[in-house]
N, C-alpha and C. Protein backbone atom coordinates (compact mmCIF):
# COMPACT_ATOMS: atom_id res chain seq x y z
N VAL A 1 13.59 -43.31 -9.24
CA VAL A 1 13.96 -42.41 -10.32
C VAL A 1 12.72 -41.75 -10.92
N SER A 2 11.63 -42.50 -11.05
CA SER A 2 10.46 -41.94 -11.73
C SER A 2 9.41 -41.39 -10.77
N ASP A 3 9.77 -41.17 -9.51
CA ASP A 3 8.78 -40.64 -8.57
C ASP A 3 8.91 -39.13 -8.40
N GLY A 4 9.46 -38.44 -9.41
CA GLY A 4 9.69 -37.01 -9.31
C GLY A 4 8.53 -36.14 -9.77
N LEU A 5 7.50 -36.72 -10.35
CA LEU A 5 6.32 -35.97 -10.78
C LEU A 5 5.07 -36.60 -10.18
N ASP A 6 4.08 -35.77 -9.93
CA ASP A 6 2.81 -36.25 -9.38
C ASP A 6 2.20 -37.30 -10.29
N ALA A 7 1.87 -38.45 -9.75
CA ALA A 7 1.16 -39.55 -10.41
C ALA A 7 1.98 -40.32 -11.45
N LEU A 8 3.26 -40.02 -11.59
CA LEU A 8 4.05 -40.72 -12.61
C LEU A 8 4.32 -42.17 -12.21
N THR A 9 4.89 -42.40 -11.06
CA THR A 9 5.18 -43.76 -10.64
C THR A 9 3.90 -44.55 -10.36
N GLY A 10 2.95 -43.92 -9.70
CA GLY A 10 1.69 -44.60 -9.41
C GLY A 10 0.97 -45.07 -10.66
N GLY A 11 0.91 -44.22 -11.67
CA GLY A 11 0.22 -44.58 -12.90
C GLY A 11 0.94 -45.63 -13.71
N THR A 12 2.27 -45.51 -13.81
CA THR A 12 3.02 -46.47 -14.61
C THR A 12 3.10 -47.84 -13.94
N THR A 13 3.20 -47.86 -12.61
CA THR A 13 3.18 -49.17 -11.93
C THR A 13 1.78 -49.77 -11.96
N LEU A 14 0.76 -48.96 -11.93
CA LEU A 14 -0.62 -49.45 -12.08
C LEU A 14 -0.74 -50.23 -13.39
N VAL A 15 -0.26 -49.65 -14.47
CA VAL A 15 -0.33 -50.28 -15.79
C VAL A 15 0.48 -51.58 -15.80
N ALA A 16 1.68 -51.55 -15.25
CA ALA A 16 2.54 -52.74 -15.25
C ALA A 16 1.94 -53.88 -14.43
N PHE A 17 1.36 -53.56 -13.28
CA PHE A 17 0.73 -54.61 -12.46
C PHE A 17 -0.51 -55.18 -13.14
N ILE A 18 -1.26 -54.36 -13.84
CA ILE A 18 -2.41 -54.89 -14.59
C ILE A 18 -1.91 -55.84 -15.68
N ALA A 19 -0.83 -55.46 -16.37
CA ALA A 19 -0.27 -56.32 -17.43
C ALA A 19 0.14 -57.67 -16.87
N TYR A 20 0.88 -57.68 -15.77
CA TYR A 20 1.29 -58.95 -15.18
C TYR A 20 0.10 -59.68 -14.56
N GLY A 21 -0.90 -58.96 -14.12
CA GLY A 21 -2.13 -59.60 -13.63
C GLY A 21 -2.84 -60.36 -14.73
N VAL A 22 -2.89 -59.76 -15.92
CA VAL A 22 -3.50 -60.43 -17.08
C VAL A 22 -2.70 -61.67 -17.44
N ILE A 23 -1.38 -61.54 -17.47
CA ILE A 23 -0.53 -62.70 -17.79
C ILE A 23 -0.75 -63.82 -16.78
N ALA A 24 -0.75 -63.48 -15.49
CA ALA A 24 -0.95 -64.48 -14.44
C ALA A 24 -2.32 -65.12 -14.54
N PHE A 25 -3.35 -64.33 -14.83
CA PHE A 25 -4.71 -64.87 -14.97
C PHE A 25 -4.78 -65.87 -16.12
N ILE A 26 -4.18 -65.54 -17.24
CA ILE A 26 -4.19 -66.43 -18.40
C ILE A 26 -3.44 -67.72 -18.08
N GLN A 27 -2.40 -67.63 -17.25
CA GLN A 27 -1.64 -68.82 -16.85
C GLN A 27 -2.36 -69.65 -15.80
N GLY A 28 -3.43 -69.13 -15.27
CA GLY A 28 -4.15 -69.84 -14.22
C GLY A 28 -3.55 -69.63 -12.84
N GLN A 29 -2.70 -68.64 -12.69
CA GLN A 29 -2.09 -68.32 -11.40
C GLN A 29 -2.97 -67.30 -10.69
N ASP A 30 -4.07 -67.79 -10.15
CA ASP A 30 -5.06 -66.90 -9.55
C ASP A 30 -4.50 -66.07 -8.40
N PHE A 31 -3.64 -66.66 -7.59
CA PHE A 31 -3.06 -65.93 -6.46
C PHE A 31 -2.24 -64.74 -6.94
N VAL A 32 -1.39 -64.97 -7.94
CA VAL A 32 -0.54 -63.90 -8.48
C VAL A 32 -1.39 -62.84 -9.16
N ALA A 33 -2.39 -63.28 -9.93
CA ALA A 33 -3.29 -62.33 -10.60
C ALA A 33 -4.03 -61.48 -9.58
N THR A 34 -4.50 -62.11 -8.51
CA THR A 34 -5.21 -61.37 -7.46
C THR A 34 -4.28 -60.36 -6.79
N PHE A 35 -3.06 -60.79 -6.49
CA PHE A 35 -2.08 -59.87 -5.90
C PHE A 35 -1.86 -58.66 -6.80
N CYS A 36 -1.67 -58.91 -8.10
CA CYS A 36 -1.43 -57.81 -9.04
C CYS A 36 -2.61 -56.84 -9.07
N LEU A 37 -3.81 -57.38 -9.07
CA LEU A 37 -4.99 -56.51 -9.13
C LEU A 37 -5.20 -55.77 -7.81
N ILE A 38 -4.83 -56.37 -6.70
CA ILE A 38 -4.91 -55.67 -5.41
C ILE A 38 -3.94 -54.49 -5.40
N ILE A 39 -2.72 -54.71 -5.87
CA ILE A 39 -1.74 -53.62 -5.94
C ILE A 39 -2.22 -52.54 -6.91
N ALA A 40 -2.79 -52.96 -8.04
CA ALA A 40 -3.33 -51.98 -9.00
C ALA A 40 -4.45 -51.17 -8.36
N GLY A 41 -5.32 -51.83 -7.63
CA GLY A 41 -6.41 -51.13 -6.94
C GLY A 41 -5.89 -50.17 -5.88
N ALA A 42 -4.88 -50.59 -5.15
CA ALA A 42 -4.27 -49.71 -4.15
C ALA A 42 -3.65 -48.49 -4.83
N ASN A 43 -3.05 -48.71 -5.99
CA ASN A 43 -2.49 -47.59 -6.76
C ASN A 43 -3.58 -46.62 -7.20
N LEU A 44 -4.73 -47.16 -7.58
CA LEU A 44 -5.84 -46.27 -7.96
C LEU A 44 -6.25 -45.37 -6.80
N GLY A 45 -6.36 -45.96 -5.62
CA GLY A 45 -6.69 -45.17 -4.44
C GLY A 45 -5.62 -44.13 -4.14
N PHE A 46 -4.38 -44.53 -4.30
CA PHE A 46 -3.27 -43.61 -4.08
C PHE A 46 -3.29 -42.47 -5.10
N LEU A 47 -3.57 -42.80 -6.37
CA LEU A 47 -3.57 -41.79 -7.43
C LEU A 47 -4.61 -40.70 -7.22
N TRP A 48 -5.68 -41.04 -6.51
CA TRP A 48 -6.72 -40.04 -6.23
C TRP A 48 -6.11 -38.84 -5.49
N TYR A 49 -5.17 -39.14 -4.60
CA TYR A 49 -4.54 -38.08 -3.80
C TYR A 49 -3.17 -37.66 -4.31
N ASN A 50 -2.62 -38.43 -5.26
CA ASN A 50 -1.30 -38.12 -5.79
C ASN A 50 -1.37 -37.39 -7.13
N ALA A 51 -2.57 -37.29 -7.72
CA ALA A 51 -2.71 -36.57 -8.98
C ALA A 51 -2.40 -35.09 -8.76
N HIS A 52 -1.93 -34.45 -9.79
CA HIS A 52 -1.52 -33.04 -9.71
C HIS A 52 -2.68 -32.12 -9.35
N PRO A 53 -2.56 -31.26 -8.38
CA PRO A 53 -1.44 -31.11 -7.45
C PRO A 53 -1.55 -32.12 -6.31
N ALA A 54 -0.50 -32.85 -6.07
CA ALA A 54 -0.51 -33.96 -5.12
C ALA A 54 -0.72 -33.49 -3.69
N GLN A 55 -1.51 -34.30 -2.97
CA GLN A 55 -1.70 -34.08 -1.54
C GLN A 55 -0.82 -35.03 -0.72
N ILE A 56 -0.49 -36.18 -1.31
CA ILE A 56 0.41 -37.14 -0.67
C ILE A 56 1.45 -37.58 -1.70
N PHE A 57 2.57 -38.08 -1.22
CA PHE A 57 3.67 -38.46 -2.09
C PHE A 57 4.12 -39.88 -1.77
N MET A 58 4.59 -40.58 -2.80
CA MET A 58 5.01 -41.96 -2.65
C MET A 58 6.37 -42.07 -1.96
N GLY A 59 7.33 -41.34 -2.44
CA GLY A 59 8.67 -41.40 -1.89
C GLY A 59 9.42 -42.65 -2.32
N ASP A 60 10.66 -42.73 -1.91
CA ASP A 60 11.51 -43.86 -2.29
C ASP A 60 11.01 -45.18 -1.73
N THR A 61 10.49 -45.17 -0.52
CA THR A 61 10.02 -46.41 0.09
C THR A 61 8.90 -47.03 -0.72
N GLY A 62 7.94 -46.24 -1.13
CA GLY A 62 6.83 -46.75 -1.94
C GLY A 62 7.29 -47.20 -3.31
N ALA A 63 8.16 -46.40 -3.94
CA ALA A 63 8.64 -46.75 -5.27
C ALA A 63 9.46 -48.04 -5.24
N LEU A 64 10.31 -48.19 -4.23
CA LEU A 64 11.12 -49.41 -4.12
C LEU A 64 10.25 -50.63 -3.83
N ALA A 65 9.23 -50.47 -3.00
CA ALA A 65 8.32 -51.58 -2.71
C ALA A 65 7.58 -52.01 -3.97
N LEU A 66 7.08 -51.05 -4.74
CA LEU A 66 6.37 -51.39 -5.98
C LEU A 66 7.31 -52.05 -6.99
N GLY A 67 8.53 -51.53 -7.10
CA GLY A 67 9.50 -52.13 -8.02
C GLY A 67 9.87 -53.55 -7.62
N SER A 68 10.04 -53.77 -6.33
CA SER A 68 10.35 -55.12 -5.84
C SER A 68 9.18 -56.07 -6.09
N GLY A 69 7.98 -55.59 -5.85
CA GLY A 69 6.79 -56.40 -6.10
C GLY A 69 6.65 -56.76 -7.57
N LEU A 70 6.92 -55.79 -8.43
CA LEU A 70 6.82 -56.03 -9.87
C LEU A 70 7.88 -57.04 -10.32
N ALA A 71 9.09 -56.92 -9.80
CA ALA A 71 10.14 -57.88 -10.14
C ALA A 71 9.76 -59.28 -9.68
N THR A 72 9.21 -59.39 -8.48
CA THR A 72 8.79 -60.69 -7.95
C THR A 72 7.69 -61.31 -8.80
N VAL A 73 6.72 -60.51 -9.18
CA VAL A 73 5.61 -61.00 -10.01
C VAL A 73 6.13 -61.46 -11.37
N SER A 74 7.11 -60.74 -11.92
CA SER A 74 7.66 -61.14 -13.22
C SER A 74 8.33 -62.51 -13.11
N LEU A 75 9.00 -62.76 -11.99
CA LEU A 75 9.62 -64.07 -11.78
C LEU A 75 8.57 -65.16 -11.57
N MET A 76 7.52 -64.84 -10.83
CA MET A 76 6.48 -65.83 -10.54
C MET A 76 5.71 -66.25 -11.79
N THR A 77 5.57 -65.34 -12.75
CA THR A 77 4.87 -65.68 -13.99
C THR A 77 5.80 -66.36 -14.99
N GLY A 78 7.10 -66.30 -14.74
CA GLY A 78 8.06 -66.87 -15.67
C GLY A 78 8.34 -65.96 -16.86
N HIS A 79 7.82 -64.75 -16.83
CA HIS A 79 8.02 -63.80 -17.92
C HIS A 79 8.86 -62.61 -17.47
N TRP A 80 9.96 -62.92 -16.78
CA TRP A 80 10.84 -61.88 -16.29
C TRP A 80 11.59 -61.19 -17.42
N LEU A 81 11.76 -61.87 -18.56
CA LEU A 81 12.43 -61.23 -19.70
C LEU A 81 11.58 -60.11 -20.30
N LEU A 82 10.28 -60.14 -20.03
CA LEU A 82 9.41 -59.08 -20.53
C LEU A 82 9.37 -57.86 -19.61
N LEU A 83 9.98 -57.96 -18.44
CA LEU A 83 9.94 -56.84 -17.49
C LEU A 83 10.53 -55.54 -18.06
N PRO A 84 11.66 -55.58 -18.78
CA PRO A 84 12.14 -54.31 -19.36
C PRO A 84 11.17 -53.70 -20.37
N LEU A 85 10.38 -54.52 -21.03
CA LEU A 85 9.38 -53.99 -21.96
C LEU A 85 8.16 -53.49 -21.21
N ILE A 86 7.61 -54.31 -20.33
CA ILE A 86 6.42 -53.90 -19.57
C ILE A 86 6.76 -52.71 -18.67
N GLY A 87 7.96 -52.66 -18.17
CA GLY A 87 8.41 -51.53 -17.37
C GLY A 87 9.28 -50.57 -18.17
N PHE A 88 8.96 -50.38 -19.43
CA PHE A 88 9.78 -49.57 -20.33
C PHE A 88 10.04 -48.16 -19.79
N VAL A 89 9.04 -47.55 -19.20
CA VAL A 89 9.21 -46.19 -18.67
C VAL A 89 10.29 -46.18 -17.59
N PHE A 90 10.30 -47.17 -16.73
CA PHE A 90 11.31 -47.24 -15.66
C PHE A 90 12.71 -47.43 -16.24
N VAL A 91 12.81 -48.26 -17.27
CA VAL A 91 14.10 -48.49 -17.92
C VAL A 91 14.58 -47.20 -18.58
N ALA A 92 13.69 -46.52 -19.29
CA ALA A 92 14.06 -45.27 -19.96
C ALA A 92 14.50 -44.21 -18.95
N GLU A 93 13.80 -44.13 -17.84
CA GLU A 93 14.16 -43.16 -16.80
C GLU A 93 15.54 -43.47 -16.22
N ALA A 94 15.79 -44.73 -15.90
CA ALA A 94 17.09 -45.12 -15.34
C ALA A 94 18.21 -44.93 -16.36
N MET A 95 17.95 -45.32 -17.60
CA MET A 95 18.97 -45.18 -18.64
C MET A 95 19.31 -43.71 -18.90
N SER A 96 18.32 -42.83 -18.80
CA SER A 96 18.60 -41.41 -19.01
C SER A 96 19.58 -40.89 -17.96
N ASN A 97 19.46 -41.38 -16.74
CA ASN A 97 20.43 -41.00 -15.70
C ASN A 97 21.82 -41.54 -16.00
N ILE A 98 21.87 -42.81 -16.38
CA ILE A 98 23.16 -43.45 -16.68
C ILE A 98 23.85 -42.75 -17.85
N ILE A 99 23.09 -42.48 -18.90
CA ILE A 99 23.65 -41.80 -20.08
C ILE A 99 24.12 -40.40 -19.72
N GLN A 100 23.29 -39.68 -18.98
CA GLN A 100 23.64 -38.30 -18.60
C GLN A 100 24.93 -38.24 -17.78
N ILE A 101 25.03 -39.09 -16.79
CA ILE A 101 26.22 -39.08 -15.92
C ILE A 101 27.45 -39.56 -16.68
N GLY A 102 27.30 -40.65 -17.45
CA GLY A 102 28.43 -41.16 -18.22
C GLY A 102 28.94 -40.16 -19.24
N TYR A 103 28.04 -39.56 -19.98
CA TYR A 103 28.44 -38.58 -21.00
C TYR A 103 29.05 -37.34 -20.35
N PHE A 104 28.48 -36.92 -19.23
CA PHE A 104 29.00 -35.76 -18.50
C PHE A 104 30.45 -35.98 -18.09
N LYS A 105 30.75 -37.16 -17.59
CA LYS A 105 32.12 -37.46 -17.14
C LYS A 105 33.08 -37.63 -18.32
N LEU A 106 32.60 -38.29 -19.39
CA LEU A 106 33.47 -38.55 -20.54
C LEU A 106 33.71 -37.31 -21.40
N SER A 107 32.75 -36.39 -21.42
CA SER A 107 32.85 -35.22 -22.30
C SER A 107 33.38 -33.98 -21.59
N GLY A 108 33.69 -34.10 -20.34
CA GLY A 108 34.20 -32.96 -19.61
C GLY A 108 33.14 -31.93 -19.25
N GLY A 109 31.94 -32.40 -18.97
CA GLY A 109 30.91 -31.49 -18.48
C GLY A 109 29.76 -31.21 -19.43
N LYS A 110 29.74 -31.84 -20.59
CA LYS A 110 28.61 -31.65 -21.52
C LYS A 110 27.48 -32.59 -21.14
N ARG A 111 26.28 -32.23 -21.55
CA ARG A 111 25.09 -33.01 -21.20
C ARG A 111 24.35 -33.48 -22.46
N VAL A 112 23.74 -34.65 -22.37
CA VAL A 112 22.88 -35.16 -23.43
C VAL A 112 21.48 -34.57 -23.28
N PHE A 113 20.99 -34.57 -22.05
CA PHE A 113 19.65 -34.06 -21.74
C PHE A 113 19.79 -32.75 -20.97
N LYS A 114 18.76 -31.94 -21.03
CA LYS A 114 18.78 -30.70 -20.25
C LYS A 114 18.82 -31.02 -18.76
N ARG A 115 18.09 -32.07 -18.38
CA ARG A 115 18.11 -32.59 -17.00
C ARG A 115 17.81 -34.07 -17.04
N ALA A 116 18.23 -34.76 -16.04
CA ALA A 116 17.89 -36.17 -15.90
C ALA A 116 17.29 -36.35 -14.51
N PRO A 117 16.40 -37.31 -14.33
CA PRO A 117 15.88 -38.27 -15.28
C PRO A 117 15.02 -37.63 -16.38
N LEU A 118 14.65 -38.46 -17.31
CA LEU A 118 14.03 -38.04 -18.55
C LEU A 118 12.79 -37.16 -18.37
N HIS A 119 11.98 -37.45 -17.34
CA HIS A 119 10.76 -36.64 -17.18
C HIS A 119 11.10 -35.18 -16.90
N HIS A 120 12.20 -34.92 -16.23
CA HIS A 120 12.61 -33.53 -15.98
C HIS A 120 13.13 -32.86 -17.26
N HIS A 121 13.73 -33.64 -18.15
CA HIS A 121 14.16 -33.11 -19.45
C HIS A 121 12.96 -32.56 -20.21
N PHE A 122 11.88 -33.33 -20.23
CA PHE A 122 10.69 -32.88 -20.95
C PHE A 122 10.07 -31.65 -20.31
N GLU A 123 10.15 -31.55 -19.01
CA GLU A 123 9.69 -30.31 -18.34
C GLU A 123 10.55 -29.12 -18.77
N GLU A 124 11.85 -29.34 -18.86
CA GLU A 124 12.77 -28.26 -19.25
C GLU A 124 12.52 -27.76 -20.66
N ILE A 125 12.05 -28.64 -21.56
CA ILE A 125 11.80 -28.19 -22.93
C ILE A 125 10.39 -27.62 -23.10
N GLY A 126 9.65 -27.51 -21.99
CA GLY A 126 8.39 -26.79 -22.04
C GLY A 126 7.12 -27.58 -21.84
N TRP A 127 7.23 -28.89 -21.63
CA TRP A 127 6.01 -29.67 -21.39
C TRP A 127 5.53 -29.41 -19.96
N ALA A 128 4.22 -29.31 -19.81
CA ALA A 128 3.64 -29.20 -18.47
C ALA A 128 3.78 -30.54 -17.75
N GLU A 129 3.79 -30.49 -16.43
CA GLU A 129 3.92 -31.72 -15.63
C GLU A 129 2.84 -32.74 -16.01
N THR A 130 1.61 -32.29 -16.13
CA THR A 130 0.52 -33.22 -16.47
C THR A 130 0.69 -33.78 -17.88
N GLN A 131 1.27 -33.01 -18.78
CA GLN A 131 1.52 -33.48 -20.14
C GLN A 131 2.58 -34.59 -20.14
N VAL A 132 3.64 -34.40 -19.37
CA VAL A 132 4.69 -35.41 -19.26
C VAL A 132 4.10 -36.70 -18.69
N VAL A 133 3.35 -36.58 -17.61
CA VAL A 133 2.78 -37.76 -16.95
C VAL A 133 1.83 -38.49 -17.88
N THR A 134 0.95 -37.76 -18.54
CA THR A 134 -0.01 -38.40 -19.45
C THR A 134 0.71 -39.14 -20.57
N ARG A 135 1.72 -38.53 -21.15
CA ARG A 135 2.43 -39.18 -22.25
C ARG A 135 3.23 -40.39 -21.77
N PHE A 136 3.80 -40.31 -20.58
CA PHE A 136 4.49 -41.47 -20.03
C PHE A 136 3.50 -42.59 -19.77
N TRP A 137 2.30 -42.27 -19.31
CA TRP A 137 1.27 -43.29 -19.12
C TRP A 137 0.92 -43.96 -20.45
N VAL A 138 0.79 -43.16 -21.51
CA VAL A 138 0.47 -43.71 -22.83
C VAL A 138 1.57 -44.66 -23.28
N VAL A 139 2.82 -44.28 -23.10
CA VAL A 139 3.95 -45.15 -23.45
C VAL A 139 3.90 -46.42 -22.60
N ALA A 140 3.61 -46.28 -21.32
CA ALA A 140 3.52 -47.45 -20.43
C ALA A 140 2.42 -48.40 -20.88
N ILE A 141 1.27 -47.86 -21.26
CA ILE A 141 0.16 -48.69 -21.73
C ILE A 141 0.55 -49.43 -23.00
N ALA A 142 1.14 -48.72 -23.97
CA ALA A 142 1.54 -49.35 -25.23
C ALA A 142 2.58 -50.44 -24.99
N ALA A 143 3.59 -50.16 -24.18
CA ALA A 143 4.63 -51.15 -23.90
C ALA A 143 4.07 -52.35 -23.16
N SER A 144 3.16 -52.12 -22.23
CA SER A 144 2.55 -53.22 -21.48
C SER A 144 1.67 -54.08 -22.37
N MET A 145 0.93 -53.45 -23.27
CA MET A 145 0.10 -54.22 -24.20
C MET A 145 0.97 -55.10 -25.09
N LEU A 146 2.08 -54.57 -25.55
CA LEU A 146 3.01 -55.36 -26.35
C LEU A 146 3.60 -56.50 -25.52
N GLY A 147 3.92 -56.22 -24.27
CA GLY A 147 4.44 -57.26 -23.38
C GLY A 147 3.45 -58.38 -23.15
N VAL A 148 2.18 -58.04 -22.94
CA VAL A 148 1.14 -59.06 -22.76
C VAL A 148 0.98 -59.87 -24.05
N ALA A 149 0.99 -59.19 -25.19
CA ALA A 149 0.87 -59.89 -26.47
C ALA A 149 2.03 -60.88 -26.66
N LEU A 150 3.23 -60.47 -26.32
CA LEU A 150 4.38 -61.37 -26.43
C LEU A 150 4.27 -62.53 -25.45
N ALA A 151 3.77 -62.27 -24.26
CA ALA A 151 3.59 -63.34 -23.28
C ALA A 151 2.59 -64.38 -23.79
N LEU A 152 1.57 -63.92 -24.49
CA LEU A 152 0.59 -64.85 -25.05
C LEU A 152 1.17 -65.64 -26.21
N ALA A 153 2.08 -65.02 -26.95
CA ALA A 153 2.65 -65.66 -28.13
C ALA A 153 3.76 -66.65 -27.79
N VAL A 154 4.43 -66.42 -26.65
CA VAL A 154 5.56 -67.26 -26.26
C VAL A 154 5.12 -68.22 -25.18
N PRO A 155 5.30 -69.52 -25.38
CA PRO A 155 4.93 -70.47 -24.33
C PRO A 155 5.81 -70.29 -23.10
N GLU A 156 5.27 -70.72 -21.96
CA GLU A 156 6.00 -70.57 -20.68
C GLU A 156 7.26 -71.39 -20.65
């Protein structure tokens, strides 16, 4: 859902994997922390070529692999309940589709957003692609920091 703009999925999954890497490191799960940082590093390399204007694209296969990896890491750290927070951008993107389709069917063709998923709505109201991506990254960083803080505050 969130792989529709250059560097959007790569940047937001980079942030989420770093967050779970920090959680795993604090728990003493060196293998999980190392895995998270390897994926984050791979994302950095990918972002070099995926930044606007992109030369390569992630596609569904890459996005699904990263999402599966993130879900697995959340289970391995025992902080799977924090995944909707740490992955807030992904949840917001998916929910915008669900809301748009549901409202469209229930209202006889009316829309909540100009377009779904949410990143396209912001493009439709005049934000540049790079502006949307940067702001989604900021939201991802803030949500991930809150998720790490909650993980530190809540015992395993």
